[in-house]
Amino acid sequence: MVQFLFRVQRKTRRIVAEVPELRIIDDELWQAVRTRQSEIADKYVNVTEARDAVRIYHPIETDIR
């Protein structure tokens, strides 16, 4: 059996570079998507907070074996 060990590098050791030619969508569309995601998150913030509050008192049953 082959096992892999993945380690997250510290931010100081990461190399980050902009590579625009590898982008799948352009910046204008990406910004529109992020704006829409933000609008949806703001609209449903109370719903998710209520859901999380219920989980505190009624945790989801999981079958861990």
PDB file of N, CA and C in Angstrom:
ATOM      1  N   MET A   1       0.840  -1.165   0.000  1.00  0.00           N
ATOM      2  CA  MET A   1       0.000   0.000   0.000  1.00  0.00           C
ATOM      3  C   MET A   1       0.894   1.240   0.000  1.00  0.00           C
ATOM      4  N   VAL A   2       0.521   2.217  -0.827  1.00  0.00           N
ATOM      5  CA  VAL A   2       1.268   3.456  -0.935  1.00  0.00           C
ATOM      6  C   VAL A   2       0.623   4.505  -0.042  1.00  0.00           C
ATOM      7  N   GLN A   3       1.424   5.179   0.741  1.00  0.00           N
ATOM      8  CA  GLN A   3       0.907   6.232   1.602  1.00  0.00           C
ATOM      9  C   GLN A   3       1.559   7.550   1.223  1.00  0.00           C
ATOM     10  N   PHE A   4       0.773   8.608   1.321  1.00  0.00           N
ATOM     11  CA  PHE A   4       1.274   9.941   1.023  1.00  0.00           C
ATOM     12  C   PHE A   4       1.183  10.800   2.266  1.00  0.00           C
ATOM     13  N   LEU A   5       2.146  11.663   2.436  1.00  0.00           N
ATOM     14  CA  LEU A   5       2.134  12.608   3.544  1.00  0.00           C
ATOM     15  C   LEU A   5       2.183  14.007   2.948  1.00  0.00           C
ATOM     16  N   PHE A   6       1.132  14.768   3.215  1.00  0.00           N
ATOM     17  CA  PHE A   6       1.071  16.127   2.710  1.00  0.00           C
ATOM     18  C   PHE A   6       1.341  17.089   3.852  1.00  0.00           C
ATOM     19  N   ARG A   7       2.204  18.030   3.610  1.00  0.00           N
ATOM     20  CA  ARG A   7       2.512  19.042   4.609  1.00  0.00           C
ATOM     21  C   ARG A   7       2.224  20.414   4.029  1.00  0.00           C
ATOM     22  N   VAL A   8       1.583  21.235   4.812  1.00  0.00           N
ATOM     23  CA  VAL A   8       1.307  22.593   4.384  1.00  0.00           C
ATOM     24  C   VAL A   8       2.530  23.449   4.706  1.00  0.00           C
ATOM     25  N   GLN A   9       3.013  24.133   3.696  1.00  0.00           N
ATOM     26  CA  GLN A   9       4.178  24.986   3.885  1.00  0.00           C
ATOM     27  C   GLN A   9       3.774  26.288   4.577  1.00  0.00           C
ATOM     28  N   ARG A  10       4.645  26.797   5.391  1.00  0.00           N
ATOM     29  CA  ARG A  10       4.402  28.092   6.014  1.00  0.00           C
ATOM     30  C   ARG A  10       4.300  29.166   4.944  1.00  0.00           C
ATOM     31  N   LYS A  11       3.516  30.204   5.229  1.00  0.00           N
ATOM     32  CA  LYS A  11       3.322  31.267   4.239  1.00  0.00           C
ATOM     33  C   LYS A  11       4.632  31.909   3.830  1.00  0.00           C
ATOM     34  N   THR A  12       5.591  31.942   4.729  1.00  0.00           N
ATOM     35  CA  THR A  12       6.872  32.560   4.393  1.00  0.00           C
ATOM     36  C   THR A  12       7.646  31.734   3.371  1.00  0.00           C
ATOM     37  N   ARG A  13       7.315  30.462   3.238  1.00  0.00           N
ATOM     38  CA  ARG A  13       8.029  29.594   2.292  1.00  0.00           C
ATOM     39  C   ARG A  13       7.269  29.406   0.986  1.00  0.00           C
ATOM     40  N   ARG A  14       6.066  29.959   0.886  1.00  0.00           N
ATOM     41  CA  ARG A  14       5.266  29.813  -0.326  1.00  0.00           C
ATOM     42  C   ARG A  14       5.677  30.850  -1.363  1.00  0.00           C
ATOM     43  N   ILE A  15       5.578  30.442  -2.602  1.00  0.00           N
ATOM     44  CA  ILE A  15       5.808  31.361  -3.709  1.00  0.00           C
ATOM     45  C   ILE A  15       4.465  31.560  -4.398  1.00  0.00           C
ATOM     46  N   VAL A  16       3.999  32.795  -4.416  1.00  0.00           N
ATOM     47  CA  VAL A  16       2.717  33.119  -5.027  1.00  0.00           C
ATOM     48  C   VAL A  16       2.980  34.041  -6.200  1.00  0.00           C
ATOM     49  N   ALA A  17       2.417  33.680  -7.348  1.00  0.00           N
ATOM     50  CA  ALA A  17       2.622  34.490  -8.547  1.00  0.00           C
ATOM     51  C   ALA A  17       1.323  34.564  -9.344  1.00  0.00           C
ATOM     52  N   GLU A  18       1.038  35.744  -9.880  1.00  0.00           N
ATOM     53  CA  GLU A  18      -0.102  35.920 -10.765  1.00  0.00           C
ATOM     54  C   GLU A  18       0.258  35.331 -12.134  1.00  0.00           C
ATOM     55  N   VAL A  19      -0.626  34.494 -12.657  1.00  0.00           N
ATOM     56  CA  VAL A  19      -0.420  33.917 -13.985  1.00  0.00           C
ATOM     57  C   VAL A  19      -1.728  34.084 -14.766  1.00  0.00           C
ATOM     58  N   PRO A  20      -1.958  35.276 -15.304  1.00  0.00           N
ATOM     59  CA  PRO A  20      -3.236  35.578 -15.962  1.00  0.00           C
ATOM     60  C   PRO A  20      -3.560  34.658 -17.137  1.00  0.00           C
ATOM     61  N   GLU A  21      -2.561  34.177 -17.838  1.00  0.00           N
ATOM     62  CA  GLU A  21      -2.839  33.320 -19.008  1.00  0.00           C
ATOM     63  C   GLU A  21      -3.413  31.959 -18.615  1.00  0.00           C
ATOM     64  N   LEU A  22      -3.335  31.586 -17.332  1.00  0.00           N
ATOM     65  CA  LEU A  22      -3.892  30.311 -16.885  1.00  0.00           C
ATOM     66  C   LEU A  22      -5.306  30.444 -16.306  1.00  0.00           C
ATOM     67  N   ARG A  23      -5.834  31.636 -16.292  1.00  0.00           N
ATOM     68  CA  ARG A  23      -7.176  31.852 -15.759  1.00  0.00           C
ATOM     69  C   ARG A  23      -8.221  31.251 -16.682  1.00  0.00           C
ATOM     70  N   ILE A  24      -9.249  30.673 -16.064  1.00  0.00           N
ATOM     71  CA  ILE A  24     -10.338  30.063 -16.822  1.00  0.00           C
ATOM     72  C   ILE A  24     -11.401  31.106 -17.155  1.00  0.00           C
ATOM     73  N   ILE A  25     -11.662  32.022 -16.206  1.00  0.00           N
ATOM     74  CA  ILE A  25     -12.629  33.092 -16.434  1.00  0.00           C
ATOM     75  C   ILE A  25     -11.940  34.432 -16.218  1.00  0.00           C
ATOM     76  N   ASP A  26     -12.505  35.481 -16.807  1.00  0.00           N
ATOM     77  CA  ASP A  26     -11.873  36.796 -16.663  1.00  0.00           C
ATOM     78  C   ASP A  26     -12.245  37.436 -15.330  1.00  0.00           C
ATOM     79  N   ASP A  27     -11.524  38.482 -14.968  1.00  0.00           N
ATOM     80  CA  ASP A  27     -11.710  39.140 -13.673  1.00  0.00           C
ATOM     81  C   ASP A  27     -13.103  39.729 -13.510  1.00  0.00           C
ATOM     82  N   GLU A  28     -13.673  40.266 -14.585  1.00  0.00           N
ATOM     83  CA  GLU A  28     -14.998  40.889 -14.502  1.00  0.00           C
ATOM     84  C   GLU A  28     -16.053  39.863 -14.083  1.00  0.00           C
ATOM     85  N   LEU A  29     -16.030  38.683 -14.696  1.00  0.00           N
ATOM     86  CA  LEU A  29     -16.979  37.634 -14.336  1.00  0.00           C
ATOM     87  C   LEU A  29     -16.711  37.136 -12.919  1.00  0.00           C
ATOM     88  N   TRP A  30     -15.456  36.985 -12.555  1.00  0.00           N
ATOM     89  CA  TRP A  30     -15.104  36.513 -11.209  1.00  0.00           C
ATOM     90  C   TRP A  30     -15.625  37.475 -10.148  1.00  0.00           C
ATOM     91  N   GLN A  31     -15.465  38.770 -10.372  1.00  0.00           N
ATOM     92  CA  GLN A  31     -15.952  39.760  -9.417  1.00  0.00           C
ATOM     93  C   GLN A  31     -17.475  39.733  -9.328  1.00  0.00           C
ATOM     94  N   ALA A  32     -18.150  39.510 -10.442  1.00  0.00           N
ATOM     95  CA  ALA A  32     -19.614  39.408 -10.441  1.00  0.00           C
ATOM     96  C   ALA A  32     -20.060  38.202  -9.621  1.00  0.00           C
ATOM     97  N   VAL A  33     -19.359  37.101  -9.758  1.00  0.00           N
ATOM     98  CA  VAL A  33     -19.680  35.895  -8.988  1.00  0.00           C
ATOM     99  C   VAL A  33     -19.464  36.138  -7.499  1.00  0.00           C
ATOM    100  N   ARG A  34     -18.343  36.746  -7.140  1.00  0.00           N
ATOM    101  CA  ARG A  34     -18.057  37.016  -5.724  1.00  0.00           C
ATOM    102  C   ARG A  34     -19.085  37.974  -5.125  1.00  0.00           C
ATOM    103  N   THR A  35     -19.528  38.970  -5.906  1.00  0.00           N
ATOM    104  CA  THR A  35     -20.565  39.892  -5.440  1.00  0.00           C
ATOM    105  C   THR A  35     -21.860  39.135  -5.190  1.00  0.00           C
ATOM    106  N   ARG A  36     -22.232  38.264  -6.120  1.00  0.00           N
ATOM    107  CA  ARG A  36     -23.462  37.474  -5.970  1.00  0.00           C
ATOM    108  C   ARG A  36     -23.360  36.551  -4.756  1.00  0.00           C
ATOM    109  N   GLN A  37     -22.235  35.910  -4.545  1.00  0.00           N
ATOM    110  CA  GLN A  37     -22.042  35.052  -3.379  1.00  0.00           C
ATOM    111  C   GLN A  37     -22.211  35.844  -2.089  1.00  0.00           C
ATOM    112  N   SER A  38     -21.678  37.041  -2.065  1.00  0.00           N
ATOM    113  CA  SER A  38     -21.795  37.891  -0.888  1.00  0.00           C
ATOM    114  C   SER A  38     -23.244  38.270  -0.620  1.00  0.00           C
ATOM    115  N   GLU A  39     -23.982  38.609  -1.691  1.00  0.00           N
ATOM    116  CA  GLU A  39     -25.401  38.948  -1.544  1.00  0.00           C
ATOM    117  C   GLU A  39     -26.194  37.776  -0.983  1.00  0.00           C
ATOM    118  N   ILE A  40     -25.924  36.589  -1.477  1.00  0.00           N
ATOM    119  CA  ILE A  40     -26.629  35.397  -1.001  1.00  0.00           C
ATOM    120  C   ILE A  40     -26.271  35.112   0.450  1.00  0.00           C
ATOM    121  N   ALA A  41     -24.993  35.240   0.793  1.00  0.00           N
ATOM    122  CA  ALA A  41     -24.561  34.997   2.173  1.00  0.00           C
ATOM    123  C   ALA A  41     -25.235  35.979   3.119  1.00  0.00           C
ATOM    124  N   ASP A  42     -25.321  37.256   2.727  1.00  0.00           N
ATOM    125  CA  ASP A  42     -25.983  38.253   3.569  1.00  0.00           C
ATOM    126  C   ASP A  42     -27.464  37.946   3.730  1.00  0.00           C
ATOM    127  N   LYS A  43     -28.087  37.454   2.678  1.00  0.00           N
ATOM    128  CA  LYS A  43     -29.523  37.159   2.704  1.00  0.00           C
ATOM    129  C   LYS A  43     -29.839  36.011   3.660  1.00  0.00           C
ATOM    130  N   TYR A  44     -28.963  35.022   3.731  1.00  0.00           N
ATOM    131  CA  TYR A  44     -29.243  33.820   4.516  1.00  0.00           C
ATOM    132  C   TYR A  44     -28.441  33.728   5.807  1.00  0.00           C
ATOM    133  N   VAL A  45     -27.839  34.818   6.256  1.00  0.00           N
ATOM    134  CA  VAL A  45     -27.003  34.768   7.452  1.00  0.00           C
ATOM    135  C   VAL A  45     -27.817  34.339   8.675  1.00  0.00           C
ATOM    136  N   ASN A  46     -29.031  34.818   8.815  1.00  0.00           N
ATOM    137  CA  ASN A  46     -29.860  34.442   9.962  1.00  0.00           C
ATOM    138  C   ASN A  46     -30.242  32.972   9.918  1.00  0.00           C
ATOM    139  N   VAL A  47     -30.456  32.444   8.733  1.00  0.00           N
ATOM    140  CA  VAL A  47     -30.820  31.033   8.587  1.00  0.00           C
ATOM    141  C   VAL A  47     -29.664  30.147   9.030  1.00  0.00           C
ATOM    142  N   THR A  48     -28.458  30.469   8.600  1.00  0.00           N
ATOM    143  CA  THR A  48     -27.322  29.624   8.957  1.00  0.00           C
ATOM    144  C   THR A  48     -26.979  29.752  10.431  1.00  0.00           C
ATOM    145  N   GLU A  49     -27.151  30.941  10.999  1.00  0.00           N
ATOM    146  CA  GLU A  49     -26.900  31.103  12.429  1.00  0.00           C
ATOM    147  C   GLU A  49     -27.893  30.284  13.241  1.00  0.00           C
ATOM    148  N   ALA A  50     -29.147  30.283  12.828  1.00  0.00           N
ATOM    149  CA  ALA A  50     -30.171  29.500  13.528  1.00  0.00           C
ATOM    150  C   ALA A  50     -29.870  28.008  13.397  1.00  0.00           C
ATOM    151  N   ARG A  51     -29.443  27.582  12.211  1.00  0.00           N
ATOM    152  CA  ARG A  51     -29.112  26.171  11.997  1.00  0.00           C
ATOM    153  C   ARG A  51     -27.955  25.747  12.895  1.00  0.00           C
ATOM    154  N   ASP A  52     -26.947  26.588  12.982  1.00  0.00           N
ATOM    155  CA  ASP A  52     -25.799  26.271  13.828  1.00  0.00           C
ATOM    156  C   ASP A  52     -26.184  26.238  15.298  1.00  0.00           C
ATOM    157  N   ALA A  53     -27.088  27.125  15.715  1.00  0.00           N
ATOM    158  CA  ALA A  53     -27.546  27.136  17.104  1.00  0.00           C
ATOM    159  C   ALA A  53     -28.292  25.849  17.428  1.00  0.00           C
ATOM    160  N   VAL A  54     -29.081  25.354  16.498  1.00  0.00           N
ATOM    161  CA  VAL A  54     -29.815  24.103  16.714  1.00  0.00           C
ATOM    162  C   VAL A  54     -28.845  22.939  16.838  1.00  0.00           C
ATOM    163  N   ARG A  55     -27.786  22.941  16.053  1.00  0.00           N
ATOM    164  CA  ARG A  55     -26.811  21.849  16.103  1.00  0.00           C
ATOM    165  C   ARG A  55     -26.095  21.790  17.443  1.00  0.00           C
ATOM    166  N   ILE A  56     -25.952  22.924  18.099  1.00  0.00           N
ATOM    167  CA  ILE A  56     -25.303  22.927  19.406  1.00  0.00           C
ATOM    168  C   ILE A  56     -26.130  22.114  20.394  1.00  0.00           C
ATOM    169  N   TYR A  57     -27.448  22.287  20.338  1.00  0.00           N
ATOM    170  CA  TYR A  57     -28.335  21.597  21.275  1.00  0.00           C
ATOM    171  C   TYR A  57     -28.747  20.212  20.796  1.00  0.00           C
ATOM    172  N   HIS A  58     -28.723  19.992  19.498  1.00  0.00           N
ATOM    173  CA  HIS A  58     -29.098  18.702  18.917  1.00  0.00           C
ATOM    174  C   HIS A  58     -28.044  18.276  17.911  1.00  0.00           C
ATOM    175  N   PRO A  59     -26.909  17.787  18.383  1.00  0.00           N
ATOM    176  CA  PRO A  59     -25.842  17.426  17.446  1.00  0.00           C
ATOM    177  C   PRO A  59     -26.289  16.325  16.488  1.00  0.00           C
ATOM    178  N   ILE A  60     -25.751  16.367  15.283  1.00  0.00           N
ATOM    179  CA  ILE A  60     -26.070  15.366  14.278  1.00  0.00           C
ATOM    180  C   ILE A  60     -25.451  14.049  14.677  1.00  0.00           C
ATOM    181  N   GLU A  61     -26.272  13.004  14.644  1.00  0.00           N
ATOM    182  CA  GLU A  61     -25.786  11.662  14.988  1.00  0.00           C
ATOM    183  C   GLU A  61     -24.882  11.172  13.855  1.00  0.00           C
ATOM    184  N   THR A  62     -23.734  10.669  14.209  1.00  0.00           N
ATOM    185  CA  THR A  62     -22.846  10.095  13.207  1.00  0.00           C
ATOM    186  C   THR A  62     -22.439   8.701  13.672  1.00  0.00           C
ATOM    187  N   ASP A  63     -22.265   7.839  12.713  1.00  0.00           N
ATOM    188  CA  ASP A  63     -21.870   6.469  13.011  1.00  0.00           C
ATOM    189  C   ASP A  63     -20.391   6.321  12.676  1.00  0.00           C
ATOM    190  N   ILE A  64     -19.543   6.551  13.648  1.00  0.00           N
ATOM    191  CA  ILE A  64     -18.096   6.460  13.453  1.00  0.00           C
ATOM    192  C   ILE A  64     -17.615   5.097  13.928  1.00  0.00           C
ATOM    193  N   ARG A  65     -17.022   4.377  13.025  1.00  0.00           N
ATOM    194  CA  ARG A  65     -16.537   3.026  13.371  1.00  0.00           C
ATOM    195  C   ARG A  65     -15.119   2.859  12.967  1.00  0.00           C
TER     196      ARG A  65
END
